[in-house]
């Protein structure tokens, strides 16, 4: 349906907002390099899953986790540099 297709784009930002409260704090506790590498690995896995996904519900879930891992790449990666 059109609602699910519209949810694909907006759920990414929901994951981004939720993870922006968690990942920077975890990077202070466990180290920025570890969180950065885990985030990059998660991004690769999520993109691969989105590419081979044939179900809209699975794509929505993967987009949420992609948004979560993207915080690690963007904000934690910036802090790490």
C-alpha atoms as a PDB file:
ATOM      1  CA  UNK A   1       0.000   0.000   0.000  1.00  0.00           C
ATOM      2  CA  UNK A   2       0.995   3.647  -0.318  1.00  0.00           C
ATOM      3  CA  UNK A   3       1.298   3.970   3.449  1.00  0.00           C
ATOM      4  CA  UNK A   4       3.951   1.269   3.662  1.00  0.00           C
ATOM      5  CA  UNK A   5       5.903   2.761   0.791  1.00  0.00           C
ATOM      6  CA  UNK A   6       5.810   6.168   2.471  1.00  0.00           C
ATOM      7  CA  UNK A   7       6.925   4.564   5.704  1.00  0.00           C
ATOM      8  CA  UNK A   8      10.119   3.308   4.062  1.00  0.00           C
ATOM      9  CA  UNK A   9      11.538   6.828   3.856  1.00  0.00           C
ATOM     10  CA  UNK A  10      10.349   8.119   7.196  1.00  0.00           C
ATOM     11  CA  UNK A  11      11.305   5.084   9.302  1.00  0.00           C
ATOM     12  CA  UNK A  12      14.946   5.760   8.428  1.00  0.00           C
ATOM     13  CA  UNK A  13      14.775   9.040  10.340  1.00  0.00           C
ATOM     14  CA  UNK A  14      13.012   7.390  13.273  1.00  0.00           C
ATOM     15  CA  UNK A  15      15.957   5.020  13.586  1.00  0.00           C
ATOM     16  CA  UNK A  16      18.344   7.958  13.260  1.00  0.00           C
ATOM     17  CA  UNK A  17      16.650   9.888  16.074  1.00  0.00           C
ATOM     18  CA  UNK A  18      16.515   6.922  18.441  1.00  0.00           C
ATOM     19  CA  UNK A  19      20.117   5.917  17.834  1.00  0.00           C
ATOM     20  CA  UNK A  20      21.404   9.466  18.200  1.00  0.00           C
ATOM     21  CA  UNK A  21      20.641   9.215  21.910  1.00  0.00           C
ATOM     22  CA  UNK A  22      22.419   5.878  22.316  1.00  0.00           C
ATOM     23  CA  UNK A  23      25.416   5.498  19.995  1.00  0.00           C
ATOM     24  CA  UNK A  24      27.414   8.616  20.921  1.00  0.00           C
ATOM     25  CA  UNK A  25      27.209   7.636  24.586  1.00  0.00           C
ATOM     26  CA  UNK A  26      28.243   4.086  23.807  1.00  0.00           C
ATOM     27  CA  UNK A  27      31.201   5.430  21.861  1.00  0.00           C
ATOM     28  CA  UNK A  28      32.339   7.325  24.936  1.00  0.00           C
ATOM     29  CA  UNK A  29      32.115   4.154  27.029  1.00  0.00           C
ATOM     30  CA  UNK A  30      33.485   1.509  24.653  1.00  0.00           C
ATOM     31  CA  UNK A  31      35.607   3.615  22.319  1.00  0.00           C
ATOM     32  CA  UNK A  32      34.785   5.433  19.130  1.00  0.00           C
ATOM     33  CA  UNK A  33      36.680   3.101  16.835  1.00  0.00           C
ATOM     34  CA  UNK A  34      34.735   0.012  17.956  1.00  0.00           C
ATOM     35  CA  UNK A  35      31.339   1.696  17.539  1.00  0.00           C
ATOM     36  CA  UNK A  36      32.393   3.161  14.198  1.00  0.00           C
ATOM     37  CA  UNK A  37      33.474  -0.236  12.836  1.00  0.00           C
ATOM     38  CA  UNK A  38      30.341  -1.956  14.130  1.00  0.00           C
ATOM     39  CA  UNK A  39      28.249   0.748  12.474  1.00  0.00           C
ATOM     40  CA  UNK A  40      30.030   0.357   9.146  1.00  0.00           C
ATOM     41  CA  UNK A  41      29.540  -3.402   9.277  1.00  0.00           C
ATOM     42  CA  UNK A  42      25.867  -2.927  10.139  1.00  0.00           C
ATOM     43  CA  UNK A  43      25.416  -0.514   7.241  1.00  0.00           C
ATOM     44  CA  UNK A  44      26.911  -3.032   4.807  1.00  0.00           C
ATOM     45  CA  UNK A  45      24.646  -5.789   6.110  1.00  0.00           C
ATOM     46  CA  UNK A  46      21.538  -3.571   5.982  1.00  0.00           C
ATOM     47  CA  UNK A  47      22.246  -2.400   2.420  1.00  0.00           C
ATOM     48  CA  UNK A  48      22.774  -5.990   1.324  1.00  0.00           C
ATOM     49  CA  UNK A  49      19.517  -6.999   2.984  1.00  0.00           C
ATOM     50  CA  UNK A  50      17.632  -4.142   1.326  1.00  0.00           C
ATOM     51  CA  UNK A  51      19.018  -5.091  -2.074  1.00  0.00           C
ATOM     52  CA  UNK A  52      17.897  -8.722  -1.814  1.00  0.00           C
ATOM     53  CA  UNK A  53      14.660  -8.037   0.070  1.00  0.00           C
ATOM     54  CA  UNK A  54      11.447  -8.941  -1.717  1.00  0.00           C
ATOM     55  CA  UNK A  55       9.066  -7.940   1.076  1.00  0.00           C
ATOM     56  CA  UNK A  56       8.056  -4.373   1.942  1.00  0.00           C
ATOM     57  CA  UNK A  57       7.790  -5.142   5.668  1.00  0.00           C
ATOM     58  CA  UNK A  58      11.338  -6.487   5.761  1.00  0.00           C
ATOM     59  CA  UNK A  59      12.544  -3.436   3.834  1.00  0.00           C
ATOM     60  CA  UNK A  60      10.897  -1.148   6.392  1.00  0.00           C
ATOM     61  CA  UNK A  61      12.612  -2.966   9.265  1.00  0.00           C
ATOM     62  CA  UNK A  62      15.963  -2.864   7.485  1.00  0.00           C
ATOM     63  CA  UNK A  63      15.568   0.869   6.831  1.00  0.00           C
ATOM     64  CA  UNK A  64      15.010   1.427  10.547  1.00  0.00           C
ATOM     65  CA  UNK A  65      18.238  -0.377  11.418  1.00  0.00           C
ATOM     66  CA  UNK A  66      20.038   1.381   8.590  1.00  0.00           C
ATOM     67  CA  UNK A  67      19.063   4.674  10.197  1.00  0.00           C
ATOM     68  CA  UNK A  68      20.360   3.428  13.538  1.00  0.00           C
ATOM     69  CA  UNK A  69      23.723   2.397  12.113  1.00  0.00           C
ATOM     70  CA  UNK A  70      24.045   5.583  10.054  1.00  0.00           C
ATOM     71  CA  UNK A  71      24.360   7.604  13.248  1.00  0.00           C
ATOM     72  CA  UNK A  72      27.524   5.689  14.033  1.00  0.00           C
ATOM     73  CA  UNK A  73      28.943   6.468  10.638  1.00  0.00           C
ATOM     74  CA  UNK A  74      28.046  10.131  10.641  1.00  0.00           C
ATOM     75  CA  UNK A  75      28.307  11.462  14.174  1.00  0.00           C
ATOM     76  CA  UNK A  76      30.676   8.967  15.795  1.00  0.00           C
ATOM     77  CA  UNK A  77      32.856   8.950  12.675  1.00  0.00           C
ATOM     78  CA  UNK A  78      33.036  12.731  12.799  1.00  0.00           C
ATOM     79  CA  UNK A  79      34.035  12.634  16.457  1.00  0.00           C
ATOM     80  CA  UNK A  80      36.589   9.912  15.743  1.00  0.00           C
ATOM     81  CA  UNK A  81      38.279  12.029  13.079  1.00  0.00           C
END
